[in-house]
Amino acid sequence: MTAESRYNSPTVLLSTPSILEAFFTSTLLVALAEIGDKTQLLSFVLAAKLRRPYPIMAGIFVATLLNHALAASVGAWLASLISPQSLNWIVGLSFIGFGLWVLKPDTLDENPRIFSAGVFITTLIAFFVAEMGDKTQFATVALAARYDALTAVVLGTTLGMMLANAPAVWIGEALADRINMKWVRWFAAASFLLMGVWSLSGGAGPY
């Protein structure tokens, strides 16, 4: 494939990182961003109200997988429309924006509605809706635009969400009391900022 055809190909994004890099980077960044996020707070509430960890975890998994598959598809689609040089800047600045965003503590605006259909459906709907417009959803869009590995990004971000929310469901609010959320937020912010600076500096540059 020539340089010109690679540049014009809709599947070419910023670079050719390995699928494992896309997977593990997505897992780490989303797991960090999710700690203290409103969807993790929702996990605490659902666990306290419903007290059924297995269907709650199943609902979180399905909701996250569906939501992040949608988000990653949007990211990959946007990447196909934008030149690699412009995409470098957009993705880099987006990561820096996420780094600043995660420093702001989240709150849960209202208690989830309990549906008569059961715990799984209640969790699935509540979690899917709460994730719309959330920082982890936007991070998934950016990660899918950053990497030419949509499946790896979706699986990685979903795993990151599960790693952050499983302890919230199983251990409950006692977990929050043992974690210094301030330091977690700063570490997450630093990770996103470094990713953003690396992208802007050409670490994810076009080829």
N, C-alpha and C. Protein backbone atom coordinates (compact mmCIF):
# COMPACT_ATOMS: atom_id res chain seq x y z
N MET A 1 0.84 -1.19 0.00
CA MET A 1 0.00 0.00 0.00
C MET A 1 0.88 1.24 0.00
N THR A 2 0.60 2.16 -0.91
CA THR A 2 1.40 3.38 -1.00
C THR A 2 1.06 4.33 0.13
N ALA A 3 1.96 5.31 0.33
CA ALA A 3 1.73 6.29 1.39
C ALA A 3 0.44 7.05 1.14
N GLU A 4 0.17 7.37 -0.16
CA GLU A 4 -1.03 8.13 -0.48
C GLU A 4 -2.30 7.32 -0.19
N SER A 5 -2.29 6.04 -0.58
CA SER A 5 -3.48 5.23 -0.36
C SER A 5 -3.69 4.96 1.12
N ARG A 6 -2.61 4.84 1.88
CA ARG A 6 -2.73 4.65 3.32
C ARG A 6 -3.33 5.88 3.96
N TYR A 7 -2.92 7.05 3.47
CA TYR A 7 -3.42 8.30 4.04
C TYR A 7 -4.92 8.45 3.79
N ASN A 8 -5.36 8.02 2.57
CA ASN A 8 -6.75 8.22 2.20
C ASN A 8 -7.66 7.09 2.67
N SER A 9 -7.08 6.01 3.14
CA SER A 9 -7.89 4.88 3.57
C SER A 9 -8.71 5.24 4.79
N PRO A 10 -10.02 4.93 4.82
CA PRO A 10 -10.85 5.27 5.97
C PRO A 10 -10.50 4.49 7.21
N THR A 11 -9.73 3.40 7.08
CA THR A 11 -9.39 2.61 8.25
C THR A 11 -8.11 3.07 8.90
N VAL A 12 -7.37 3.98 8.25
CA VAL A 12 -6.12 4.46 8.81
C VAL A 12 -6.42 5.62 9.75
N LEU A 13 -5.94 5.53 10.97
CA LEU A 13 -6.20 6.60 11.92
C LEU A 13 -4.91 7.35 12.18
N LEU A 14 -4.28 7.14 13.31
CA LEU A 14 -3.11 7.93 13.64
C LEU A 14 -1.82 7.14 13.49
N SER A 15 -1.86 5.87 13.75
CA SER A 15 -0.64 5.08 13.74
C SER A 15 -1.04 3.62 13.65
N THR A 16 -0.05 2.75 13.79
CA THR A 16 -0.36 1.32 13.79
C THR A 16 0.10 0.69 15.10
N PRO A 17 -0.45 1.15 16.22
CA PRO A 17 -0.09 0.53 17.48
C PRO A 17 -0.68 -0.87 17.55
N SER A 18 -0.13 -1.69 18.41
CA SER A 18 -0.62 -3.05 18.53
C SER A 18 -2.01 -3.06 19.14
N ILE A 19 -2.72 -4.14 18.88
CA ILE A 19 -4.04 -4.30 19.47
C ILE A 19 -3.94 -4.35 20.99
N LEU A 20 -2.88 -4.97 21.49
CA LEU A 20 -2.71 -5.04 22.94
C LEU A 20 -2.52 -3.66 23.54
N GLU A 21 -1.78 -2.79 22.84
CA GLU A 21 -1.60 -1.43 23.35
C GLU A 21 -2.94 -0.72 23.44
N ALA A 22 -3.76 -0.86 22.39
CA ALA A 22 -5.08 -0.23 22.40
C ALA A 22 -5.93 -0.78 23.54
N PHE A 23 -5.87 -2.09 23.74
CA PHE A 23 -6.68 -2.73 24.78
C PHE A 23 -6.26 -2.28 26.18
N PHE A 24 -4.97 -2.37 26.47
CA PHE A 24 -4.51 -2.05 27.82
C PHE A 24 -4.58 -0.56 28.12
N THR A 25 -4.30 0.28 27.13
CA THR A 25 -4.43 1.72 27.34
C THR A 25 -5.88 2.09 27.62
N SER A 26 -6.79 1.52 26.86
CA SER A 26 -8.22 1.78 27.06
C SER A 26 -8.67 1.31 28.44
N THR A 27 -8.20 0.13 28.83
CA THR A 27 -8.57 -0.41 30.14
C THR A 27 -8.09 0.50 31.26
N LEU A 28 -6.83 0.90 31.21
CA LEU A 28 -6.24 1.71 32.28
C LEU A 28 -6.90 3.08 32.38
N LEU A 29 -7.01 3.78 31.26
CA LEU A 29 -7.54 5.14 31.30
C LEU A 29 -8.99 5.17 31.76
N VAL A 30 -9.80 4.25 31.27
CA VAL A 30 -11.21 4.25 31.66
C VAL A 30 -11.40 3.79 33.10
N ALA A 31 -10.62 2.82 33.54
CA ALA A 31 -10.71 2.37 34.93
C ALA A 31 -10.38 3.52 35.88
N LEU A 32 -9.36 4.29 35.56
CA LEU A 32 -8.98 5.43 36.40
C LEU A 32 -10.05 6.52 36.36
N ALA A 33 -10.55 6.80 35.15
CA ALA A 33 -11.55 7.85 35.01
C ALA A 33 -12.86 7.49 35.69
N GLU A 34 -13.15 6.20 35.81
CA GLU A 34 -14.42 5.75 36.37
C GLU A 34 -14.46 5.86 37.89
N ILE A 35 -13.31 5.85 38.53
CA ILE A 35 -13.28 5.91 40.00
C ILE A 35 -13.77 7.28 40.45
N GLY A 36 -14.84 7.28 41.22
CA GLY A 36 -15.46 8.52 41.68
C GLY A 36 -16.41 9.13 40.67
N ASP A 37 -16.57 8.48 39.51
CA ASP A 37 -17.46 8.98 38.47
C ASP A 37 -18.91 8.72 38.86
N LYS A 38 -19.85 9.42 38.20
CA LYS A 38 -21.26 9.27 38.57
C LYS A 38 -21.77 7.86 38.34
N THR A 39 -21.22 7.15 37.34
CA THR A 39 -21.68 5.79 37.12
C THR A 39 -21.17 4.84 38.20
N GLN A 40 -20.01 5.14 38.79
CA GLN A 40 -19.57 4.33 39.93
C GLN A 40 -20.44 4.64 41.15
N LEU A 41 -20.80 5.91 41.31
CA LEU A 41 -21.73 6.27 42.39
C LEU A 41 -23.06 5.55 42.19
N LEU A 42 -23.48 5.43 40.94
CA LEU A 42 -24.71 4.69 40.64
C LEU A 42 -24.57 3.23 41.05
N SER A 43 -23.39 2.66 40.85
CA SER A 43 -23.16 1.27 41.26
C SER A 43 -23.33 1.10 42.76
N PHE A 44 -22.82 2.08 43.53
CA PHE A 44 -23.00 2.05 44.99
C PHE A 44 -24.49 2.05 45.34
N VAL A 45 -25.25 2.93 44.68
CA VAL A 45 -26.68 3.07 44.98
C VAL A 45 -27.44 1.80 44.61
N LEU A 46 -27.17 1.28 43.42
CA LEU A 46 -27.85 0.06 42.98
C LEU A 46 -27.55 -1.12 43.91
N ALA A 47 -26.30 -1.23 44.32
CA ALA A 47 -25.92 -2.32 45.23
C ALA A 47 -26.63 -2.20 46.56
N ALA A 48 -26.77 -0.97 47.07
CA ALA A 48 -27.43 -0.75 48.35
C ALA A 48 -28.93 -0.98 48.26
N LYS A 49 -29.53 -0.58 47.14
CA LYS A 49 -30.98 -0.69 46.99
C LYS A 49 -31.43 -2.10 46.62
N LEU A 50 -30.72 -2.71 45.70
CA LEU A 50 -31.19 -3.97 45.12
C LEU A 50 -30.57 -5.21 45.76
N ARG A 51 -29.35 -5.08 46.24
CA ARG A 51 -28.67 -6.18 46.95
C ARG A 51 -28.67 -7.49 46.17
N ARG A 52 -28.43 -7.37 44.86
CA ARG A 52 -28.33 -8.55 43.98
C ARG A 52 -27.11 -8.36 43.10
N PRO A 53 -25.92 -8.67 43.59
CA PRO A 53 -24.69 -8.32 42.87
C PRO A 53 -24.56 -8.95 41.49
N TYR A 54 -25.01 -10.20 41.32
CA TYR A 54 -24.81 -10.86 40.03
C TYR A 54 -25.61 -10.21 38.91
N PRO A 55 -26.93 -10.02 39.05
CA PRO A 55 -27.65 -9.32 37.97
C PRO A 55 -27.24 -7.86 37.82
N ILE A 56 -26.80 -7.23 38.90
CA ILE A 56 -26.31 -5.85 38.79
C ILE A 56 -25.06 -5.81 37.92
N MET A 57 -24.12 -6.72 38.18
CA MET A 57 -22.89 -6.76 37.39
C MET A 57 -23.20 -7.11 35.94
N ALA A 58 -24.15 -8.01 35.72
CA ALA A 58 -24.53 -8.37 34.34
C ALA A 58 -25.13 -7.16 33.63
N GLY A 59 -25.96 -6.40 34.33
CA GLY A 59 -26.56 -5.21 33.74
C GLY A 59 -25.52 -4.15 33.41
N ILE A 60 -24.56 -3.96 34.31
CA ILE A 60 -23.48 -3.00 34.06
C ILE A 60 -22.66 -3.42 32.84
N PHE A 61 -22.36 -4.71 32.76
CA PHE A 61 -21.55 -5.21 31.64
C PHE A 61 -22.25 -4.99 30.30
N VAL A 62 -23.51 -5.39 30.21
CA VAL A 62 -24.24 -5.26 28.94
C VAL A 62 -24.43 -3.79 28.58
N ALA A 63 -24.80 -2.97 29.56
CA ALA A 63 -25.00 -1.54 29.29
C ALA A 63 -23.71 -0.88 28.81
N THR A 64 -22.60 -1.22 29.46
CA THR A 64 -21.31 -0.64 29.08
C THR A 64 -20.89 -1.11 27.69
N LEU A 65 -21.05 -2.39 27.43
CA LEU A 65 -20.66 -2.94 26.13
C LEU A 65 -21.44 -2.27 25.00
N LEU A 66 -22.75 -2.12 25.18
CA LEU A 66 -23.58 -1.48 24.16
C LEU A 66 -23.22 -0.01 24.00
N ASN A 67 -23.09 0.68 25.13
CA ASN A 67 -22.81 2.11 25.09
C ASN A 67 -21.46 2.41 24.47
N HIS A 68 -20.46 1.65 24.87
CA HIS A 68 -19.11 1.91 24.38
C HIS A 68 -18.91 1.42 22.95
N ALA A 69 -19.67 0.41 22.53
CA ALA A 69 -19.63 0.01 21.12
C ALA A 69 -20.16 1.14 20.25
N LEU A 70 -21.22 1.79 20.72
CA LEU A 70 -21.76 2.95 20.01
C LEU A 70 -20.76 4.09 19.99
N ALA A 71 -20.17 4.38 21.16
CA ALA A 71 -19.21 5.48 21.26
C ALA A 71 -17.98 5.23 20.40
N ALA A 72 -17.46 4.01 20.44
CA ALA A 72 -16.27 3.68 19.65
C ALA A 72 -16.55 3.75 18.16
N SER A 73 -17.75 3.36 17.77
CA SER A 73 -18.13 3.44 16.35
C SER A 73 -18.15 4.89 15.89
N VAL A 74 -18.63 5.78 16.75
CA VAL A 74 -18.62 7.21 16.43
C VAL A 74 -17.18 7.71 16.30
N GLY A 75 -16.31 7.28 17.23
CA GLY A 75 -14.91 7.69 17.17
C GLY A 75 -14.22 7.22 15.90
N ALA A 76 -14.46 5.96 15.53
CA ALA A 76 -13.85 5.43 14.31
C ALA A 76 -14.39 6.14 13.07
N TRP A 77 -15.67 6.45 13.09
CA TRP A 77 -16.28 7.16 11.95
C TRP A 77 -15.70 8.56 11.81
N LEU A 78 -15.57 9.27 12.94
CA LEU A 78 -14.99 10.61 12.89
C LEU A 78 -13.55 10.56 12.39
N ALA A 79 -12.81 9.54 12.82
CA ALA A 79 -11.41 9.41 12.39
C ALA A 79 -11.30 9.20 10.90
N SER A 80 -12.30 8.56 10.30
CA SER A 80 -12.26 8.31 8.86
C SER A 80 -12.53 9.58 8.05
N LEU A 81 -13.06 10.60 8.70
CA LEU A 81 -13.40 11.84 8.01
C LEU A 81 -12.34 12.93 8.16
N ILE A 82 -11.42 12.73 9.09
CA ILE A 82 -10.46 13.77 9.45
C ILE A 82 -9.05 13.32 9.08
N SER A 83 -8.25 14.25 8.60
CA SER A 83 -6.87 13.91 8.25
C SER A 83 -6.09 13.53 9.50
N PRO A 84 -5.07 12.66 9.37
CA PRO A 84 -4.29 12.25 10.54
C PRO A 84 -3.68 13.42 11.30
N GLN A 85 -3.20 14.45 10.58
CA GLN A 85 -2.59 15.59 11.25
C GLN A 85 -3.61 16.31 12.14
N SER A 86 -4.79 16.57 11.59
CA SER A 86 -5.84 17.24 12.37
C SER A 86 -6.31 16.35 13.51
N LEU A 87 -6.39 15.05 13.25
CA LEU A 87 -6.85 14.12 14.27
C LEU A 87 -5.89 14.08 15.45
N ASN A 88 -4.59 14.18 15.16
CA ASN A 88 -3.60 14.27 16.24
C ASN A 88 -3.96 15.36 17.22
N TRP A 89 -4.24 16.54 16.69
CA TRP A 89 -4.55 17.69 17.54
C TRP A 89 -5.87 17.51 18.26
N ILE A 90 -6.88 17.05 17.56
CA ILE A 90 -8.19 16.88 18.18
C ILE A 90 -8.15 15.87 19.31
N VAL A 91 -7.52 14.71 19.05
CA VAL A 91 -7.44 13.68 20.07
C VAL A 91 -6.56 14.12 21.23
N GLY A 92 -5.42 14.74 20.91
CA GLY A 92 -4.52 15.21 21.96
C GLY A 92 -5.18 16.22 22.88
N LEU A 93 -5.86 17.20 22.30
CA LEU A 93 -6.55 18.21 23.11
C LEU A 93 -7.72 17.60 23.88
N SER A 94 -8.36 16.58 23.28
CA SER A 94 -9.45 15.90 23.97
C SER A 94 -8.94 15.20 25.23
N PHE A 95 -7.81 14.51 25.11
CA PHE A 95 -7.25 13.83 26.28
C PHE A 95 -6.86 14.84 27.37
N ILE A 96 -6.31 15.97 26.96
CA ILE A 96 -5.98 17.01 27.94
C ILE A 96 -7.25 17.52 28.62
N GLY A 97 -8.31 17.67 27.82
CA GLY A 97 -9.60 18.08 28.39
C GLY A 97 -10.13 17.06 29.39
N PHE A 98 -9.99 15.77 29.06
CA PHE A 98 -10.43 14.73 30.00
C PHE A 98 -9.61 14.78 31.28
N GLY A 99 -8.31 15.09 31.13
CA GLY A 99 -7.45 15.18 32.30
C GLY A 99 -7.93 16.24 33.27
N LEU A 100 -8.41 17.36 32.74
CA LEU A 100 -8.95 18.42 33.59
C LEU A 100 -10.33 18.04 34.12
N TRP A 101 -11.11 17.35 33.29
CA TRP A 101 -12.47 16.97 33.67
C TRP A 101 -12.49 16.02 34.87
N VAL A 102 -11.57 15.05 34.88
CA VAL A 102 -11.60 14.05 35.95
C VAL A 102 -11.25 14.64 37.31
N LEU A 103 -10.69 15.84 37.34
CA LEU A 103 -10.38 16.48 38.61
C LEU A 103 -11.63 16.96 39.33
N LYS A 104 -12.72 17.10 38.59
CA LYS A 104 -13.97 17.58 39.18
C LYS A 104 -14.76 16.39 39.73
N PRO A 105 -15.02 16.36 41.05
CA PRO A 105 -15.79 15.25 41.62
C PRO A 105 -17.20 15.20 41.03
N ASP A 106 -17.69 14.00 40.78
CA ASP A 106 -19.03 13.82 40.23
C ASP A 106 -20.05 13.65 41.34
N THR A 107 -21.30 13.94 41.03
CA THR A 107 -22.42 13.68 41.93
C THR A 107 -23.51 12.96 41.14
N LEU A 108 -24.32 12.21 41.84
CA LEU A 108 -25.45 11.52 41.21
C LEU A 108 -26.69 12.38 41.41
N ASP A 109 -27.28 12.84 40.32
CA ASP A 109 -28.37 13.81 40.39
C ASP A 109 -29.63 13.23 41.02
N GLU A 110 -29.94 12.00 40.74
CA GLU A 110 -31.17 11.41 41.25
C GLU A 110 -31.00 9.91 41.41
N ASN A 111 -31.87 9.33 42.26
CA ASN A 111 -31.82 7.89 42.46
C ASN A 111 -32.37 7.17 41.23
N PRO A 112 -31.82 6.00 40.92
CA PRO A 112 -32.30 5.26 39.74
C PRO A 112 -33.73 4.76 39.94
N ARG A 113 -34.47 4.74 38.86
CA ARG A 113 -35.83 4.21 38.90
C ARG A 113 -35.78 2.69 38.91
N ILE A 114 -36.54 2.09 39.81
CA ILE A 114 -36.57 0.64 39.91
C ILE A 114 -37.71 0.11 39.04
N PHE A 115 -37.36 -0.64 37.99
CA PHE A 115 -38.35 -1.16 37.07
C PHE A 115 -38.87 -2.51 37.55
N SER A 116 -40.15 -2.77 37.26
CA SER A 116 -40.76 -4.03 37.68
C SER A 116 -40.17 -5.22 36.94
N ALA A 117 -39.48 -4.95 35.82
CA ALA A 117 -38.89 -6.04 35.03
C ALA A 117 -37.77 -6.74 35.78
N GLY A 118 -37.22 -6.12 36.81
CA GLY A 118 -36.21 -6.79 37.60
C GLY A 118 -34.90 -6.04 37.71
N VAL A 119 -33.99 -6.64 38.46
CA VAL A 119 -32.71 -6.01 38.78
C VAL A 119 -31.86 -5.80 37.53
N PHE A 120 -31.78 -6.80 36.68
CA PHE A 120 -30.93 -6.71 35.48
C PHE A 120 -31.39 -5.57 34.58
N ILE A 121 -32.69 -5.50 34.28
CA ILE A 121 -33.21 -4.46 33.39
C ILE A 121 -33.05 -3.09 34.03
N THR A 122 -33.32 -3.00 35.33
CA THR A 122 -33.15 -1.73 36.04
C THR A 122 -31.72 -1.23 35.91
N THR A 123 -30.77 -2.12 36.17
CA THR A 123 -29.36 -1.74 36.09
C THR A 123 -28.96 -1.39 34.67
N LEU A 124 -29.38 -2.20 33.70
CA LEU A 124 -29.01 -1.96 32.31
C LEU A 124 -29.49 -0.59 31.85
N ILE A 125 -30.76 -0.28 32.11
CA ILE A 125 -31.31 1.01 31.66
C ILE A 125 -30.66 2.17 32.40
N ALA A 126 -30.57 2.05 33.74
CA ALA A 126 -30.01 3.14 34.54
C ALA A 126 -28.56 3.42 34.16
N PHE A 127 -27.80 2.36 33.97
CA PHE A 127 -26.37 2.53 33.67
C PHE A 127 -26.16 3.05 32.26
N PHE A 128 -26.93 2.55 31.30
CA PHE A 128 -26.80 3.01 29.92
C PHE A 128 -27.12 4.50 29.83
N VAL A 129 -28.20 4.92 30.48
CA VAL A 129 -28.60 6.33 30.45
C VAL A 129 -27.57 7.20 31.16
N ALA A 130 -27.08 6.75 32.32
CA ALA A 130 -26.10 7.53 33.08
C ALA A 130 -24.80 7.69 32.31
N GLU A 131 -24.46 6.71 31.49
CA GLU A 131 -23.20 6.74 30.75
C GLU A 131 -23.26 7.67 29.54
N MET A 132 -24.47 8.03 29.10
CA MET A 132 -24.61 8.94 27.97
C MET A 132 -24.07 10.32 28.34
N GLY A 133 -23.09 10.79 27.58
CA GLY A 133 -22.51 12.10 27.85
C GLY A 133 -21.52 12.11 29.00
N ASP A 134 -21.20 10.93 29.54
CA ASP A 134 -20.26 10.85 30.65
C ASP A 134 -18.83 10.90 30.13
N LYS A 135 -17.89 11.20 31.03
CA LYS A 135 -16.49 11.34 30.60
C LYS A 135 -15.93 10.05 30.04
N THR A 136 -16.35 8.90 30.59
CA THR A 136 -15.83 7.63 30.08
C THR A 136 -16.37 7.32 28.69
N GLN A 137 -17.58 7.79 28.39
CA GLN A 137 -18.10 7.61 27.03
C GLN A 137 -17.31 8.46 26.04
N PHE A 138 -17.05 9.72 26.40
CA PHE A 138 -16.27 10.58 25.52
C PHE A 138 -14.84 10.07 25.38
N ALA A 139 -14.30 9.51 26.46
CA ALA A 139 -12.95 8.94 26.39
C ALA A 139 -12.93 7.77 25.42
N THR A 140 -14.00 6.99 25.39
CA THR A 140 -14.08 5.87 24.45
C THR A 140 -14.10 6.36 23.01
N VAL A 141 -14.82 7.45 22.76
CA VAL A 141 -14.83 8.05 21.42
C VAL A 141 -13.41 8.44 21.01
N ALA A 142 -12.71 9.12 21.92
CA ALA A 142 -11.35 9.57 21.62
C ALA A 142 -10.39 8.41 21.43
N LEU A 143 -10.52 7.38 22.26
CA LEU A 143 -9.63 6.22 22.14
C LEU A 143 -9.86 5.48 20.83
N ALA A 144 -11.12 5.38 20.41
CA ALA A 144 -11.41 4.72 19.13
C ALA A 144 -10.88 5.54 17.97
N ALA A 145 -10.89 6.86 18.11
CA ALA A 145 -10.31 7.72 17.08
C ALA A 145 -8.79 7.62 17.08
N ARG A 146 -8.22 7.41 18.25
CA ARG A 146 -6.77 7.33 18.40
C ARG A 146 -6.22 6.03 17.84
N TYR A 147 -6.95 4.93 18.05
CA TYR A 147 -6.45 3.61 17.66
C TYR A 147 -7.28 3.01 16.53
N ASP A 148 -6.62 2.35 15.62
CA ASP A 148 -7.30 1.62 14.56
C ASP A 148 -7.57 0.20 15.05
N ALA A 149 -8.34 0.11 16.14
CA ALA A 149 -8.61 -1.19 16.77
C ALA A 149 -9.90 -1.07 17.57
N LEU A 150 -11.01 -0.96 16.86
CA LEU A 150 -12.29 -0.67 17.50
C LEU A 150 -12.67 -1.73 18.53
N THR A 151 -12.53 -3.00 18.17
CA THR A 151 -12.91 -4.08 19.09
C THR A 151 -12.06 -4.05 20.35
N ALA A 152 -10.76 -3.84 20.19
CA ALA A 152 -9.86 -3.79 21.34
C ALA A 152 -10.21 -2.63 22.26
N VAL A 153 -10.57 -1.50 21.68
CA VAL A 153 -10.95 -0.33 22.49
C VAL A 153 -12.24 -0.61 23.25
N VAL A 154 -13.24 -1.17 22.58
CA VAL A 154 -14.51 -1.47 23.24
C VAL A 154 -14.31 -2.47 24.38
N LEU A 155 -13.56 -3.54 24.11
CA LEU A 155 -13.32 -4.53 25.15
C LEU A 155 -12.49 -3.95 26.29
N GLY A 156 -11.50 -3.11 25.94
CA GLY A 156 -10.66 -2.51 26.96
C GLY A 156 -11.43 -1.54 27.85
N THR A 157 -12.22 -0.67 27.24
CA THR A 157 -12.99 0.29 28.05
C THR A 157 -14.05 -0.42 28.88
N THR A 158 -14.63 -1.48 28.33
CA THR A 158 -15.62 -2.25 29.09
C THR A 158 -14.96 -2.93 30.29
N LEU A 159 -13.78 -3.51 30.07
CA LEU A 159 -13.06 -4.13 31.18
C LEU A 159 -12.70 -3.08 32.23
N GLY A 160 -12.27 -1.91 31.79
CA GLY A 160 -11.94 -0.84 32.72
C GLY A 160 -13.13 -0.45 33.59
N MET A 161 -14.30 -0.37 32.97
CA MET A 161 -15.52 -0.06 33.73
C MET A 161 -15.84 -1.16 34.73
N MET A 162 -15.67 -2.40 34.33
CA MET A 162 -15.96 -3.51 35.23
C MET A 162 -14.98 -3.56 36.39
N LEU A 163 -13.71 -3.28 36.12
CA LEU A 163 -12.71 -3.28 37.19
C LEU A 163 -13.01 -2.21 38.23
N ALA A 164 -13.54 -1.07 37.78
CA ALA A 164 -13.84 0.01 38.71
C ALA A 164 -15.16 -0.21 39.44
N ASN A 165 -16.12 -0.85 38.77
CA ASN A 165 -17.46 -0.96 39.35
C ASN A 165 -17.71 -2.25 40.12
N ALA A 166 -16.96 -3.31 39.80
CA ALA A 166 -17.16 -4.57 40.53
C ALA A 166 -16.92 -4.40 42.04
N PRO A 167 -15.81 -3.75 42.45
CA PRO A 167 -15.63 -3.54 43.89
C PRO A 167 -16.74 -2.69 44.50
N ALA A 168 -17.26 -1.72 43.72
CA ALA A 168 -18.34 -0.87 44.23
C ALA A 168 -19.59 -1.69 44.51
N VAL A 169 -19.86 -2.66 43.65
CA VAL A 169 -21.04 -3.50 43.82
C VAL A 169 -20.85 -4.51 44.94
N TRP A 170 -19.67 -5.11 45.01
CA TRP A 170 -19.45 -6.19 45.97
C TRP A 170 -19.09 -5.69 47.37
N ILE A 171 -18.35 -4.62 47.43
CA ILE A 171 -17.90 -4.13 48.74
C ILE A 171 -18.77 -2.98 49.22
N GLY A 172 -19.28 -2.19 48.29
CA GLY A 172 -20.17 -1.10 48.66
C GLY A 172 -19.43 0.15 49.08
N GLU A 173 -20.14 1.00 49.80
CA GLU A 173 -19.59 2.31 50.14
C GLU A 173 -18.40 2.23 51.08
N ALA A 174 -18.21 1.08 51.73
CA ALA A 174 -17.03 0.93 52.58
C ALA A 174 -15.77 1.08 51.76
N LEU A 175 -15.85 0.72 50.47
CA LEU A 175 -14.70 0.86 49.58
C LEU A 175 -14.35 2.32 49.39
N ALA A 176 -15.37 3.15 49.19
CA ALA A 176 -15.13 4.58 48.95
C ALA A 176 -14.44 5.23 50.14
N ASP A 177 -14.78 4.76 51.35
CA ASP A 177 -14.18 5.34 52.55
C ASP A 177 -12.70 4.98 52.68
N ARG A 178 -12.27 3.91 52.01
CA ARG A 178 -10.88 3.46 52.12
C ARG A 178 -9.99 4.01 51.01
N ILE A 179 -10.58 4.62 50.01
CA ILE A 179 -9.81 5.13 48.87
C ILE A 179 -9.70 6.64 48.95
N ASN A 180 -8.50 7.14 48.77
CA ASN A 180 -8.28 8.58 48.70
C ASN A 180 -8.64 9.04 47.29
N MET A 181 -9.89 9.47 47.11
CA MET A 181 -10.37 9.84 45.78
C MET A 181 -9.57 10.98 45.18
N LYS A 182 -9.08 11.87 46.02
CA LYS A 182 -8.32 13.01 45.52
C LYS A 182 -7.08 12.55 44.78
N TRP A 183 -6.35 11.60 45.38
CA TRP A 183 -5.13 11.11 44.74
C TRP A 183 -5.45 10.30 43.48
N VAL A 184 -6.54 9.54 43.51
CA VAL A 184 -6.94 8.78 42.32
C VAL A 184 -7.27 9.73 41.18
N ARG A 185 -8.01 10.80 41.49
CA ARG A 185 -8.36 11.77 40.44
C ARG A 185 -7.12 12.43 39.87
N TRP A 186 -6.15 12.77 40.72
CA TRP A 186 -4.92 13.40 40.23
C TRP A 186 -4.12 12.43 39.35
N PHE A 187 -4.08 11.16 39.75
CA PHE A 187 -3.35 10.17 38.95
C PHE A 187 -4.03 9.97 37.60
N ALA A 188 -5.37 9.90 37.62
CA ALA A 188 -6.11 9.76 36.36
C ALA A 188 -5.89 10.98 35.47
N ALA A 189 -5.92 12.17 36.09
CA ALA A 189 -5.70 13.40 35.32
C ALA A 189 -4.32 13.40 34.68
N ALA A 190 -3.31 12.99 35.45
CA ALA A 190 -1.95 12.96 34.93
C ALA A 190 -1.83 11.98 33.76
N SER A 191 -2.51 10.85 33.86
CA SER A 191 -2.47 9.85 32.78
C SER A 191 -3.07 10.40 31.50
N PHE A 192 -4.22 11.05 31.61
CA PHE A 192 -4.85 11.64 30.43
C PHE A 192 -4.01 12.78 29.86
N LEU A 193 -3.45 13.61 30.73
CA LEU A 193 -2.62 14.72 30.26
C LEU A 193 -1.39 14.21 29.52
N LEU A 194 -0.75 13.18 30.06
CA LEU A 194 0.43 12.61 29.39
C LEU A 194 0.05 12.03 28.03
N MET A 195 -1.09 11.36 27.97
CA MET A 195 -1.56 10.82 26.69
C MET A 195 -1.81 11.94 25.69
N GLY A 196 -2.39 13.04 26.18
CA GLY A 196 -2.66 14.16 25.31
C GLY A 196 -1.40 14.82 24.80
N VAL A 197 -0.44 15.05 25.69
CA VAL A 197 0.82 15.67 25.29
C VAL A 197 1.57 14.78 24.32
N TRP A 198 1.55 13.48 24.57
CA TRP A 198 2.23 12.53 23.67
C TRP A 198 1.62 12.57 22.28
N SER A 199 0.30 12.64 22.21
CA SER A 199 -0.37 12.71 20.91
C SER A 199 -0.02 14.01 20.19
N LEU A 200 -0.03 15.13 20.92
CA LEU A 200 0.27 16.42 20.31
C LEU A 200 1.72 16.52 19.85
N SER A 201 2.61 15.82 20.56
CA SER A 201 4.03 15.90 20.22
C SER A 201 4.41 15.02 19.04
N GLY A 202 3.45 14.24 18.57
CA GLY A 202 3.73 13.38 17.41
C GLY A 202 3.96 11.94 17.75
N GLY A 203 3.77 11.57 19.03
CA GLY A 203 3.94 10.18 19.42
C GLY A 203 2.94 9.27 18.75
N ALA A 204 1.83 9.86 18.37
CA ALA A 204 0.81 9.11 17.64
C ALA A 204 0.68 9.64 16.23
N GLY A 205 1.77 10.12 15.71
CA GLY A 205 1.74 10.84 14.44
C GLY A 205 1.38 10.00 13.25
N PRO A 206 0.97 10.65 12.15
CA PRO A 206 0.61 9.94 10.95
C PRO A 206 1.81 9.27 10.32
N TYR A 207 1.55 8.30 9.48
CA TYR A 207 2.62 7.54 8.85
C TYR A 207 2.34 7.39 7.38
